[in-house]
Amino acid sequence: MSEERLDRLESLMQDLIKMVAVNNTMTKELKSDVAVLKDDIAVLKSDVAQLKTESAMLKKNQELFRDELFARSARMDDLRREVRDKIAEKALNTNYAVSMSSSIIRKFSP
């Protein structure tokens, strides 16, 4: 082989070795990046699981709150009816008392 050809072959080998070294470096960096991404994904999965749990608890609390609200609303309706009935009863008693007092006054009036 000629000297020129050997020099060219040596130069190509050096270029190939440099390319393999760059490729190996990039592969290591990619592996490191993938490891970081996997850790981030694990954290995100944990966060999502926690959010799902909290969401379920919020839904349950919302249902309990709604049930309590309906119960209190029904109780308020009952109390309003009771107050209206008592007011009506007092009004009847007052009208009766006024009526009776008018009759008594007329009896004893000259």
C-alpha atoms as a PDB file:
ATOM      1  CA  MET A   1       0.000   0.000   0.000  1.00  0.00           C
ATOM      2  CA  SER A   2       1.120   3.449  -0.689  1.00  0.00           C
ATOM      3  CA  GLU A   3       1.978   5.919   2.012  1.00  0.00           C
ATOM      4  CA  GLU A   4      -0.752   8.268   0.861  1.00  0.00           C
ATOM      5  CA  ARG A   5      -3.319   5.529   1.055  1.00  0.00           C
ATOM      6  CA  LEU A   6      -2.235   4.540   4.556  1.00  0.00           C
ATOM      7  CA  ASP A   7      -2.424   8.165   5.704  1.00  0.00           C
ATOM      8  CA  ARG A   8      -5.914   8.422   4.277  1.00  0.00           C
ATOM      9  CA  LEU A   9      -6.960   5.170   5.960  1.00  0.00           C
ATOM     10  CA  GLU A  10      -5.473   6.365   9.249  1.00  0.00           C
ATOM     11  CA  SER A  11      -7.346   9.649   8.944  1.00  0.00           C
ATOM     12  CA  LEU A  12     -10.615   7.810   8.255  1.00  0.00           C
ATOM     13  CA  MET A  13     -10.019   5.565  11.287  1.00  0.00           C
ATOM     14  CA  GLN A  14      -9.408   8.621  13.491  1.00  0.00           C
ATOM     15  CA  ASP A  15     -12.604  10.230  12.196  1.00  0.00           C
ATOM     16  CA  LEU A  16     -14.521   7.010  12.853  1.00  0.00           C
ATOM     17  CA  ILE A  17     -13.130   6.770  16.407  1.00  0.00           C
ATOM     18  CA  LYS A  18     -14.129  10.409  17.062  1.00  0.00           C
ATOM     19  CA  MET A  19     -17.609   9.733  15.711  1.00  0.00           C
ATOM     20  CA  VAL A  20     -17.983   6.667  17.923  1.00  0.00           C
ATOM     21  CA  ALA A  21     -16.793   8.688  20.939  1.00  0.00           C
ATOM     22  CA  VAL A  22     -19.334  11.448  20.203  1.00  0.00           C
ATOM     23  CA  ASN A  23     -22.012   8.814  19.701  1.00  0.00           C
ATOM     24  CA  ASN A  24     -21.141   7.174  23.045  1.00  0.00           C
ATOM     25  CA  THR A  25     -21.248  10.553  24.822  1.00  0.00           C
ATOM     26  CA  MET A  26     -24.620  11.354  23.317  1.00  0.00           C
ATOM     27  CA  THR A  27     -25.919   7.909  24.257  1.00  0.00           C
ATOM     28  CA  LYS A  28     -24.833   8.450  27.887  1.00  0.00           C
ATOM     29  CA  GLU A  29     -26.522  11.868  27.926  1.00  0.00           C
ATOM     30  CA  LEU A  30     -29.701  10.385  26.473  1.00  0.00           C
ATOM     31  CA  LYS A  31     -29.682   7.613  29.071  1.00  0.00           C
ATOM     32  CA  SER A  32     -29.277  10.211  31.797  1.00  0.00           C
ATOM     33  CA  ASP A  33     -32.106  12.310  30.330  1.00  0.00           C
ATOM     34  CA  VAL A  34     -34.344   9.235  30.095  1.00  0.00           C
ATOM     35  CA  ALA A  35     -33.602   8.374  33.738  1.00  0.00           C
ATOM     36  CA  VAL A  36     -34.598  11.926  34.776  1.00  0.00           C
ATOM     37  CA  LEU A  37     -37.766  11.684  32.680  1.00  0.00           C
ATOM     38  CA  LYS A  38     -38.648   8.345  34.265  1.00  0.00           C
ATOM     39  CA  ASP A  39     -38.260   9.901  37.725  1.00  0.00           C
ATOM     40  CA  ASP A  40     -40.424  12.847  36.668  1.00  0.00           C
ATOM     41  CA  ILE A  41     -43.072  10.475  35.315  1.00  0.00           C
ATOM     42  CA  ALA A  42     -43.052   8.519  38.567  1.00  0.00           C
ATOM     43  CA  VAL A  43     -43.612  11.747  40.517  1.00  0.00           C
ATOM     44  CA  LEU A  44     -46.410  12.765  38.143  1.00  0.00           C
ATOM     45  CA  LYS A  45     -48.071   9.368  38.510  1.00  0.00           C
ATOM     46  CA  SER A  46     -47.931   9.735  42.268  1.00  0.00           C
ATOM     47  CA  ASP A  47     -49.390  13.237  42.039  1.00  0.00           C
ATOM     48  CA  VAL A  48     -52.189  12.021  39.765  1.00  0.00           C
ATOM     49  CA  ALA A  49     -53.000   9.196  42.169  1.00  0.00           C
ATOM     50  CA  GLN A  50     -53.139  11.661  45.054  1.00  0.00           C
ATOM     51  CA  LEU A  51     -55.354  14.013  43.024  1.00  0.00           C
ATOM     52  CA  LYS A  52     -57.704  11.135  42.202  1.00  0.00           C
ATOM     53  CA  THR A  53     -57.947  10.267  45.892  1.00  0.00           C
ATOM     54  CA  GLU A  54     -58.587  13.886  46.834  1.00  0.00           C
ATOM     55  CA  SER A  55     -61.153  14.220  44.048  1.00  0.00           C
ATOM     56  CA  ALA A  56     -63.012  11.158  45.303  1.00  0.00           C
ATOM     57  CA  MET A  57     -62.988  12.573  48.833  1.00  0.00           C
ATOM     58  CA  LEU A  58     -64.262  15.932  47.581  1.00  0.00           C
ATOM     59  CA  LYS A  59     -67.073  14.226  45.676  1.00  0.00           C
ATOM     60  CA  LYS A  60     -68.048  12.271  48.779  1.00  0.00           C
ATOM     61  CA  ASN A  61     -67.944  15.420  50.916  1.00  0.00           C
ATOM     62  CA  GLN A  62     -70.006  17.233  48.293  1.00  0.00           C
ATOM     63  CA  GLU A  63     -72.635  14.486  48.423  1.00  0.00           C
ATOM     64  CA  LEU A  64     -72.691  14.634  52.230  1.00  0.00           C
ATOM     65  CA  PHE A  65     -72.976  18.415  52.107  1.00  0.00           C
ATOM     66  CA  ARG A  66     -75.803  18.205  49.559  1.00  0.00           C
ATOM     67  CA  ASP A  67     -77.657  15.662  51.704  1.00  0.00           C
ATOM     68  CA  GLU A  68     -77.191  17.856  54.783  1.00  0.00           C
ATOM     69  CA  LEU A  69     -78.357  20.898  52.827  1.00  0.00           C
ATOM     70  CA  PHE A  70     -81.506  19.087  51.659  1.00  0.00           C
ATOM     71  CA  ALA A  71     -82.200  17.884  55.208  1.00  0.00           C
ATOM     72  CA  ARG A  72     -81.779  21.396  56.617  1.00  0.00           C
ATOM     73  CA  SER A  73     -83.905  22.851  53.826  1.00  0.00           C
ATOM     74  CA  ALA A  74     -86.671  20.391  54.634  1.00  0.00           C
ATOM     75  CA  ARG A  75     -86.333  21.253  58.337  1.00  0.00           C
ATOM     76  CA  MET A  76     -86.556  24.975  57.489  1.00  0.00           C
ATOM     77  CA  ASP A  77     -89.724  24.326  55.477  1.00  0.00           C
ATOM     78  CA  ASP A  78     -91.199  22.480  58.473  1.00  0.00           C
ATOM     79  CA  LEU A  79     -90.255  25.321  60.813  1.00  0.00           C
ATOM     80  CA  ARG A  80     -91.775  27.915  58.448  1.00  0.00           C
ATOM     81  CA  ARG A  81     -95.035  25.955  58.324  1.00  0.00           C
ATOM     82  CA  GLU A  82     -95.007  25.658  62.104  1.00  0.00           C
ATOM     83  CA  VAL A  83     -94.436  29.415  62.503  1.00  0.00           C
ATOM     84  CA  ARG A  84     -97.185  30.214  59.959  1.00  0.00           C
ATOM     85  CA  ASP A  85     -99.577  27.883  61.790  1.00  0.00           C
ATOM     86  CA  LYS A  86     -98.757  29.490  65.134  1.00  0.00           C
ATOM     87  CA  ILE A  87     -99.181  32.987  63.673  1.00  0.00           C
ATOM     88  CA  ALA A  88    -102.540  31.963  62.204  1.00  0.00           C
ATOM     89  CA  GLU A  89    -103.586  30.448  65.532  1.00  0.00           C
ATOM     90  CA  LYS A  90    -102.544  33.602  67.411  1.00  0.00           C
ATOM     91  CA  ALA A  91    -104.427  35.732  64.886  1.00  0.00           C
ATOM     92  CA  LEU A  92    -107.566  33.644  65.406  1.00  0.00           C
ATOM     93  CA  ASN A  93    -107.160  33.873  69.177  1.00  0.00           C
ATOM     94  CA  THR A  94    -106.614  37.630  68.925  1.00  0.00           C
ATOM     95  CA  ASN A  95    -109.682  38.051  66.708  1.00  0.00           C
ATOM     96  CA  TYR A  96    -111.699  35.936  69.119  1.00  0.00           C
ATOM     97  CA  ALA A  97    -110.449  37.946  72.105  1.00  0.00           C
ATOM     98  CA  VAL A  98    -111.257  41.237  70.359  1.00  0.00           C
ATOM     99  CA  SER A  99    -114.653  39.921  69.426  1.00  0.00           C
ATOM    100  CA  MET A 100    -115.342  38.749  72.980  1.00  0.00           C
ATOM    101  CA  SER A 101    -114.126  41.971  74.527  1.00  0.00           C
ATOM    102  CA  SER A 102    -116.382  43.940  72.152  1.00  0.00           C
ATOM    103  CA  SER A 103    -119.324  41.843  73.258  1.00  0.00           C
ATOM    104  CA  ILE A 104    -118.493  42.317  76.907  1.00  0.00           C
ATOM    105  CA  ILE A 105    -118.045  46.060  76.444  1.00  0.00           C
ATOM    106  CA  ARG A 106    -121.425  46.295  74.716  1.00  0.00           C
ATOM    107  CA  LYS A 107    -123.103  44.379  77.508  1.00  0.00           C
ATOM    108  CA  PHE A 108    -121.802  46.693  80.183  1.00  0.00           C
ATOM    109  CA  SER A 109    -122.067  49.911  78.189  1.00  0.00           C
ATOM    110  CA  PRO A 110    -124.999  52.158  79.090  1.00  0.00           C
END
